[in-house]
Amino acid sequence: MSTRRSPLAMALLSLVGEEPMHAYRMQQLIKERRKDDVVNVAQRNSVYQTIDRLLRDGLIAVRGTAREENRPERTVYELTGAGRQTLRDWMRTMLSAPAREFPEFPAALAFLPVLPVEEVRAALEGRLTALEERLAGLEAELAEGGAFLPRVFLVESEYQRAVLRAELDYVRGLAADLRTGALSWDRHL
């Protein structure tokens, strides 16, 4: 049986590979390390569902249960040999083979004529503002983290910065084409 690969499953295997831990600690470490920009842990239930899948497929095992102070008892998980091999295989694949992903923005671009040109232009200008704010935050995070972290812990932020810059350039050009009329359509749905 092959467990479905996902960024969250990869992250959880990686964390229990560092040391045995419980689900809440995994979620907290992802957030503390600011990896929640690349791994979605917004819903705690998805963490538990992924842990159940990894456990069922023998990639992690129950190490025991632990209780800290007045907190509820928590199940502590550890990486199995199969989990370590799967994690390494997934990493090789995720690094070497571009995945076929279906993000929302390109899908919306594919159906621009649903909206009038002016609405699309206004929406894109709003996107530009949000992207510029996100890029500024990422730049600050890289400067702050670069002062005390080895670069290996910042490479995903460097990648995000490069992608944001490319998207900003593209959206600026598209908005300009809509402003000048170089791109237009007569009808909308």
Protein backbone atom coordinates (compact mmCIF):
# COMPACT_ATOMS: atom_id res chain seq x y z
CA MET A 1 0.00 0.00 0.00
CA SER A 2 1.34 3.41 -0.94
CA THR A 3 0.47 6.43 1.17
CA ARG A 4 -0.62 9.47 -0.79
CA ARG A 5 2.20 11.99 -0.81
CA SER A 6 1.41 15.51 0.36
CA PRO A 7 3.36 18.43 1.80
CA LEU A 8 1.67 17.87 5.17
CA ALA A 9 2.48 14.14 5.25
CA MET A 10 6.09 14.91 4.29
CA ALA A 11 6.36 17.54 7.03
CA LEU A 12 4.91 15.24 9.70
CA LEU A 13 7.28 12.40 8.76
CA SER A 14 10.18 14.83 8.88
CA LEU A 15 9.22 16.09 12.33
CA VAL A 16 8.83 12.65 13.92
CA GLY A 17 12.13 11.79 12.27
CA GLU A 18 13.75 14.51 14.40
CA GLU A 19 12.31 13.03 17.59
CA PRO A 20 9.13 11.26 18.73
CA MET A 21 6.32 13.75 19.35
CA HIS A 22 2.57 14.20 19.60
CA ALA A 23 0.29 15.76 16.99
CA TYR A 24 -0.14 19.10 18.73
CA ARG A 25 3.64 19.53 18.99
CA MET A 26 4.00 18.77 15.27
CA GLN A 27 1.45 21.45 14.40
CA GLN A 28 3.09 23.94 16.77
CA LEU A 29 6.58 23.32 15.38
CA ILE A 30 5.36 23.89 11.83
CA LYS A 31 3.92 27.24 12.94
CA GLU A 32 6.88 28.22 15.14
CA ARG A 33 9.30 27.52 12.30
CA ARG A 34 7.06 29.51 9.96
CA LYS A 35 6.62 26.53 7.68
CA ASP A 36 2.84 27.08 7.66
CA ASP A 37 3.40 29.18 4.53
CA VAL A 38 4.31 25.99 2.67
CA VAL A 39 2.43 23.35 4.70
CA ASN A 40 -1.25 23.89 5.49
CA VAL A 41 -1.90 23.23 9.17
CA ALA A 42 -4.70 25.75 9.55
CA GLN A 43 -7.14 22.95 10.38
CA ARG A 44 -6.00 20.70 13.19
CA ASN A 45 -8.25 17.94 11.86
CA SER A 46 -6.13 17.62 8.69
CA VAL A 47 -3.07 16.96 10.88
CA TYR A 48 -4.88 14.18 12.74
CA GLN A 49 -6.26 12.67 9.52
CA THR A 50 -2.79 12.63 8.00
CA ILE A 51 -1.34 11.05 11.14
CA ASP A 52 -4.04 8.35 10.99
CA ARG A 53 -3.11 7.63 7.37
CA LEU A 54 0.63 7.50 8.14
CA LEU A 55 -0.05 5.21 11.12
CA ARG A 56 -2.35 2.93 9.12
CA ASP A 57 0.28 2.62 6.39
CA GLY A 58 3.07 1.80 8.85
CA LEU A 59 5.10 4.94 8.23
CA ILE A 60 4.83 6.04 11.86
CA ALA A 61 4.15 4.05 15.03
CA VAL A 62 2.81 4.85 18.46
CA ARG A 63 5.74 5.30 20.83
CA GLY A 64 3.51 5.75 23.86
CA THR A 65 1.33 8.28 25.59
CA ALA A 66 2.43 11.28 27.59
CA ARG A 67 0.74 13.64 29.99
CA GLU A 68 2.19 17.04 30.83
CA GLU A 69 0.96 18.88 33.93
CA ASN A 70 -2.80 19.45 33.67
CA ARG A 71 -2.99 18.68 29.96
CA PRO A 72 -4.81 15.76 28.40
CA GLU A 73 -2.97 12.57 27.61
CA ARG A 74 -1.34 12.72 24.18
CA THR A 75 -0.20 9.97 21.86
CA VAL A 76 3.47 10.24 20.91
CA TYR A 77 4.49 8.99 17.46
CA GLU A 78 7.83 7.91 16.04
CA LEU A 79 9.14 7.30 12.54
CA THR A 80 9.40 3.70 11.33
CA GLY A 81 12.02 2.34 8.94
CA ALA A 82 9.41 2.32 6.17
CA GLY A 83 8.52 5.90 7.07
CA ARG A 84 12.15 7.02 6.84
CA GLN A 85 12.51 5.38 3.40
CA THR A 86 9.19 6.82 2.19
CA LEU A 87 10.19 10.30 3.39
CA ARG A 88 13.47 10.08 1.48
CA ASP A 89 11.69 8.81 -1.65
CA TRP A 90 9.11 11.60 -1.43
CA MET A 91 11.80 14.22 -0.97
CA ARG A 92 13.69 13.01 -4.05
CA THR A 93 10.47 13.08 -6.10
CA MET A 94 9.27 16.44 -4.78
CA LEU A 95 12.64 18.02 -5.50
CA SER A 96 13.20 16.48 -8.92
CA ALA A 97 9.81 16.19 -10.63
CA PRO A 98 7.53 19.20 -11.09
CA ALA A 99 4.07 18.29 -9.83
CA ARG A 100 0.94 18.97 -11.79
CA GLU A 101 -0.78 21.42 -9.47
CA PHE A 102 -4.02 23.31 -9.90
CA PRO A 103 -3.79 26.67 -8.10
CA GLU A 104 -6.75 29.05 -8.14
CA PHE A 105 -5.13 32.05 -9.82
CA PRO A 106 -4.29 30.41 -13.18
CA ALA A 107 -7.77 28.87 -13.18
CA ALA A 108 -9.31 32.33 -12.74
CA LEU A 109 -7.08 33.69 -15.52
CA ALA A 110 -8.39 30.95 -17.82
CA PHE A 111 -11.92 32.36 -17.48
CA LEU A 112 -11.36 36.14 -17.45
CA PRO A 113 -14.37 36.95 -19.69
CA VAL A 114 -16.70 35.93 -16.85
CA LEU A 115 -16.16 39.49 -15.56
CA PRO A 116 -16.05 42.84 -17.33
CA VAL A 117 -12.59 44.18 -18.14
CA GLU A 118 -12.79 46.93 -15.49
CA GLU A 119 -13.67 44.46 -12.73
CA VAL A 120 -10.76 42.23 -13.72
CA ARG A 121 -8.40 45.21 -13.73
CA ALA A 122 -9.60 46.33 -10.29
CA ALA A 123 -9.25 42.80 -8.91
CA LEU A 124 -5.73 42.51 -10.32
CA GLU A 125 -4.75 45.85 -8.80
CA GLY A 126 -6.03 44.57 -5.45
CA ARG A 127 -3.93 41.46 -5.98
CA LEU A 128 -0.89 43.62 -6.71
CA THR A 129 -1.30 45.39 -3.37
CA ALA A 130 -1.62 42.07 -1.53
CA LEU A 131 1.42 40.62 -3.35
CA GLU A 132 3.52 43.70 -2.59
CA GLU A 133 2.61 43.47 1.11
CA ARG A 134 3.39 39.76 1.15
CA LEU A 135 6.73 40.34 -0.57
CA ALA A 136 7.66 43.07 1.93
CA GLY A 137 6.80 40.71 4.80
CA LEU A 138 8.84 37.93 3.24
CA GLU A 139 11.80 40.26 2.71
CA ALA A 140 11.66 41.25 6.40
CA GLU A 141 11.40 37.61 7.46
CA LEU A 142 14.42 36.68 5.33
CA ALA A 143 16.46 39.57 6.71
CA GLU A 144 15.50 38.67 10.29
CA GLY A 145 16.03 34.93 9.84
CA GLY A 146 19.24 35.42 7.88
CA ALA A 147 20.77 37.11 10.90
CA PHE A 148 20.73 33.89 12.95
CA LEU A 149 19.63 30.94 10.80
CA PRO A 150 21.73 28.98 8.33
CA ARG A 151 20.54 29.52 4.76
CA VAL A 152 19.32 25.91 4.46
CA PHE A 153 16.42 26.87 6.77
CA LEU A 154 15.45 29.80 4.56
CA VAL A 155 15.56 28.36 1.04
CA GLU A 156 11.78 27.86 0.80
CA SER A 157 11.35 31.55 1.67
CA GLU A 158 13.89 32.46 -1.02
CA TYR A 159 11.85 30.39 -3.47
CA GLN A 160 8.62 32.06 -2.39
CA ARG A 161 10.26 35.46 -2.85
CA ALA A 162 11.33 34.56 -6.41
CA VAL A 163 7.82 33.28 -7.24
CA LEU A 164 6.20 36.40 -5.74
CA ARG A 165 8.49 38.66 -7.75
CA ALA A 166 7.65 36.79 -10.95
CA GLU A 167 3.92 36.93 -10.21
CA LEU A 168 4.16 40.65 -9.43
CA ASP A 169 5.87 41.29 -12.77
CA TYR A 170 3.26 39.27 -14.62
CA VAL A 171 0.25 40.83 -12.90
CA ARG A 172 1.65 44.36 -13.36
CA GLY A 173 2.01 43.69 -17.08
CA LEU A 174 -1.47 42.16 -17.35
CA ALA A 175 -3.06 45.08 -15.48
CA ALA A 176 -1.19 47.52 -17.75
CA ASP A 177 -2.46 45.67 -20.85
CA LEU A 178 -6.02 45.95 -19.51
CA ARG A 179 -5.55 49.68 -18.80
CA THR A 180 -4.20 50.41 -22.30
CA GLY A 181 -6.67 48.14 -24.10
CA ALA A 182 -3.91 45.80 -25.37
CA LEU A 183 -6.05 43.06 -23.80
CA SER A 184 -9.82 43.32 -23.83
CA TRP A 185 -13.04 41.48 -24.54
CA ASP A 186 -16.50 42.71 -25.43
CA ARG A 187 -18.73 40.23 -23.64
CA HIS A 188 -18.83 38.79 -20.19
CA LEU A 189 -20.98 36.06 -18.72
